[in-house]
Amino acid sequence: MIDREKLEQALAELPLFAYAFIDPNALEFSQRIRHICKTECPMYGKTWACPPAVGEVEECEKKCKSYNNCLLIGTITEVADITDIHETLATRPDHEKITNQVRDLMREQGIQPYILSTEACAVCARCAYLDGLPCRMPGKMHPCVESHGINLIPVLEENGLEFQYGGNIVTWYSLLFY
């Protein structure tokens, strides 16, 4: 069982924009989100962190909802030009570092969270998926939220958060199920 007060004290020390404890059953899973992965993301079919390797949306939903709790964390960063995709994506490693810090805080309490984050996975130079091999770093790889068909907008709105804050603000979110 997690000591939520201890965790919240530690979260307050991190450069998080926001966090919220949510019920996994409150998450909306959608084939529409998965369709966007398939038709618009260049990483589709190229890593263990992306579809189809993560499983069908129904399987992903069942896995996520098998957990009793979920911690949503968010970071924001300002960039000079939000339309510069390279500059925007360059802020992602900082978010992943914070996601891993939260993971470590949970592990210190004996919790092994299942993490969804922002990655199409950049841990290895070449994903083993492309060679038909198992993931070499499953403990470090976090599938992206969208890979599971999760529409994050409703739960963000329910918690008074935005997906995009406008201007040159980059927003990243992770879900840690436990």
Protein backbone atom coordinates (compact mmCIF):
# COMPACT_ATOMS: atom_id res chain seq x y z
CA MET A 1 0.00 0.00 0.00
CA ILE A 2 1.35 3.40 -0.94
CA ASP A 3 1.93 6.10 1.66
CA ARG A 4 0.17 8.83 -0.29
CA GLU A 5 1.17 11.62 2.09
CA LYS A 6 4.86 10.68 1.80
CA LEU A 7 4.54 10.45 -1.98
CA GLU A 8 2.82 13.85 -2.20
CA GLN A 9 5.57 15.43 -0.11
CA ALA A 10 8.15 14.05 -2.53
CA LEU A 11 6.10 15.12 -5.57
CA ALA A 12 6.05 18.68 -4.21
CA GLU A 13 9.85 18.70 -4.52
CA LEU A 14 9.78 17.87 -8.23
CA PRO A 15 9.26 20.38 -11.05
CA LEU A 16 5.77 19.07 -11.79
CA PHE A 17 3.17 21.42 -13.18
CA ALA A 18 0.38 19.23 -11.86
CA TYR A 19 -0.48 15.81 -10.54
CA ALA A 20 -3.72 14.06 -9.72
CA PHE A 21 -4.71 10.69 -8.32
CA ILE A 22 -7.33 9.25 -10.64
CA ASP A 23 -9.43 6.13 -10.90
CA PRO A 24 -8.29 4.04 -13.90
CA ASN A 25 -11.98 3.37 -14.62
CA ALA A 26 -12.41 7.09 -15.32
CA LEU A 27 -10.14 6.86 -18.36
CA GLU A 28 -11.72 6.85 -21.81
CA PHE A 29 -10.30 4.29 -24.25
CA SER A 30 -11.00 4.92 -27.92
CA GLN A 31 -10.32 3.21 -31.22
CA ARG A 32 -10.22 6.73 -32.69
CA ILE A 33 -7.04 7.52 -30.75
CA ARG A 34 -5.46 4.28 -31.94
CA HIS A 35 -6.47 5.12 -35.53
CA ILE A 36 -4.51 8.37 -35.22
CA CYS A 37 -1.46 6.34 -34.13
CA LYS A 38 -1.84 4.06 -37.10
CA THR A 39 -2.41 6.72 -39.73
CA GLU A 40 -0.35 9.69 -38.49
CA CYS A 41 2.52 8.49 -36.29
CA PRO A 42 5.74 7.46 -38.05
CA MET A 43 6.59 5.14 -35.12
CA TYR A 44 3.57 2.87 -35.61
CA GLY A 45 4.79 -0.72 -35.93
CA LYS A 46 8.40 0.19 -35.14
CA THR A 47 8.78 -0.21 -31.36
CA TRP A 48 7.56 -2.28 -28.42
CA ALA A 49 6.14 0.98 -27.00
CA CYS A 50 3.75 1.50 -29.91
CA PRO A 51 0.89 -0.31 -31.58
CA PRO A 52 0.46 -2.98 -32.66
CA ALA A 53 3.12 -4.31 -30.21
CA VAL A 54 1.29 -2.98 -27.13
CA GLY A 55 -1.80 -5.01 -28.00
CA GLU A 56 -5.32 -4.17 -29.08
CA VAL A 57 -7.08 -1.25 -27.39
CA GLU A 58 -9.34 -3.68 -25.51
CA GLU A 59 -6.29 -5.51 -24.11
CA CYS A 60 -4.68 -2.20 -23.12
CA GLU A 61 -7.88 -1.07 -21.42
CA LYS A 62 -8.14 -4.33 -19.50
CA LYS A 63 -4.51 -4.03 -18.36
CA CYS A 64 -4.88 -0.40 -17.22
CA LYS A 65 -8.15 -1.07 -15.44
CA SER A 66 -6.63 -4.06 -13.63
CA TYR A 67 -4.92 -1.49 -11.39
CA ASN A 68 -6.84 0.18 -8.57
CA ASN A 69 -5.08 3.54 -8.79
CA CYS A 70 -3.39 5.85 -11.22
CA LEU A 71 -1.21 8.90 -10.72
CA LEU A 72 -1.33 11.45 -13.52
CA ILE A 73 1.67 13.79 -13.65
CA GLY A 74 2.21 16.77 -15.91
CA THR A 75 5.07 19.06 -16.81
CA ILE A 76 5.14 22.21 -18.88
CA THR A 77 8.00 23.90 -20.67
CA GLU A 78 8.18 27.09 -22.66
CA VAL A 79 9.91 27.04 -26.03
CA ALA A 80 10.81 29.87 -28.38
CA ASP A 81 8.66 28.51 -31.24
CA ILE A 82 5.94 25.94 -30.63
CA THR A 83 5.76 25.24 -34.38
CA ASP A 84 9.38 24.02 -34.36
CA ILE A 85 8.80 20.29 -33.83
CA HIS A 86 12.49 19.65 -33.11
CA GLU A 87 12.55 22.26 -30.34
CA THR A 88 9.26 20.96 -28.95
CA LEU A 89 10.36 17.31 -28.94
CA ALA A 90 13.68 18.28 -27.37
CA THR A 91 11.72 19.02 -24.15
CA ARG A 92 10.45 15.44 -23.89
CA PRO A 93 13.56 13.92 -22.23
CA ASP A 94 13.17 16.28 -19.26
CA HIS A 95 9.61 15.04 -18.78
CA GLU A 96 10.74 11.42 -19.05
CA LYS A 97 13.43 12.08 -16.42
CA ILE A 98 10.76 13.38 -14.03
CA THR A 99 8.49 10.42 -14.87
CA ASN A 100 11.36 8.10 -13.90
CA GLN A 101 11.93 10.04 -10.68
CA VAL A 102 8.27 9.52 -9.76
CA ARG A 103 8.62 5.84 -10.68
CA ASP A 104 11.59 5.61 -8.33
CA LEU A 105 9.62 7.29 -5.52
CA MET A 106 6.92 4.67 -5.97
CA ARG A 107 9.45 1.84 -6.09
CA GLU A 108 10.92 3.08 -2.79
CA GLN A 109 7.50 2.28 -1.32
CA GLY A 110 7.45 -1.19 -2.86
CA ILE A 111 5.16 -0.22 -5.75
CA GLN A 112 6.04 -1.32 -9.29
CA PRO A 113 3.96 1.03 -11.43
CA TYR A 114 2.88 0.36 -14.98
CA ILE A 115 3.85 3.56 -16.79
CA LEU A 116 2.46 5.22 -19.87
CA SER A 117 4.23 8.35 -20.93
CA THR A 118 5.28 10.33 -23.99
CA GLU A 119 7.61 7.94 -25.67
CA ALA A 120 7.62 5.91 -28.79
CA CYS A 121 10.65 4.64 -26.87
CA ALA A 122 14.09 6.02 -27.50
CA VAL A 123 15.97 3.81 -25.04
CA CYS A 124 17.76 1.71 -27.67
CA ALA A 125 19.28 2.92 -30.91
CA ARG A 126 17.29 0.24 -32.76
CA CYS A 127 14.25 -1.38 -31.23
CA ALA A 128 14.37 -5.18 -30.95
CA TYR A 129 10.77 -5.19 -32.22
CA LEU A 130 12.07 -4.57 -35.74
CA ASP A 131 14.09 -7.78 -35.50
CA GLY A 132 11.32 -9.87 -33.96
CA LEU A 133 13.13 -9.98 -30.61
CA PRO A 134 11.82 -9.19 -27.10
CA CYS A 135 12.34 -5.74 -25.64
CA ARG A 136 15.90 -5.41 -24.30
CA MET A 137 14.94 -2.82 -21.65
CA PRO A 138 11.34 -3.50 -20.55
CA GLY A 139 11.93 -1.81 -17.18
CA LYS A 140 12.96 1.43 -18.86
CA MET A 141 10.51 1.49 -21.77
CA HIS A 142 7.24 3.35 -21.24
CA PRO A 143 4.61 3.11 -23.96
CA CYS A 144 2.95 6.39 -24.81
CA VAL A 145 -0.50 7.18 -23.42
CA GLU A 146 -2.02 7.32 -26.90
CA SER A 147 -0.64 3.89 -27.82
CA HIS A 148 -3.23 2.43 -25.45
CA GLY A 149 -6.08 4.33 -27.08
CA ILE A 150 -6.49 6.66 -24.10
CA ASN A 151 -8.25 9.96 -24.72
CA LEU A 152 -6.68 12.01 -21.94
CA ILE A 153 -8.75 15.16 -22.55
CA PRO A 154 -11.81 14.20 -20.43
CA VAL A 155 -9.76 13.27 -17.34
CA LEU A 156 -7.66 16.42 -17.71
CA GLU A 157 -10.79 18.56 -17.90
CA GLU A 158 -12.25 16.76 -14.88
CA ASN A 159 -9.11 17.73 -12.95
CA GLY A 160 -9.03 21.34 -14.15
CA LEU A 161 -6.08 20.77 -16.46
CA GLU A 162 -5.51 21.55 -20.12
CA PHE A 163 -3.87 19.54 -22.86
CA GLN A 164 -2.59 22.71 -24.50
CA TYR A 165 -2.14 26.03 -22.78
CA GLY A 166 -1.46 28.04 -25.94
CA GLY A 167 1.44 30.26 -26.76
CA ASN A 168 4.76 28.51 -26.77
CA ILE A 169 3.94 26.18 -23.87
CA VAL A 170 4.66 22.47 -24.31
CA THR A 171 2.64 20.15 -22.05
CA TRP A 172 3.56 16.54 -21.30
CA TYR A 173 1.61 13.99 -19.23
CA SER A 174 2.35 10.53 -17.88
CA LEU A 175 0.14 7.94 -16.17
CA LEU A 176 1.56 5.67 -13.48
CA PHE A 177 -0.81 2.80 -12.66
CA TYR A 178 -0.45 0.96 -9.37
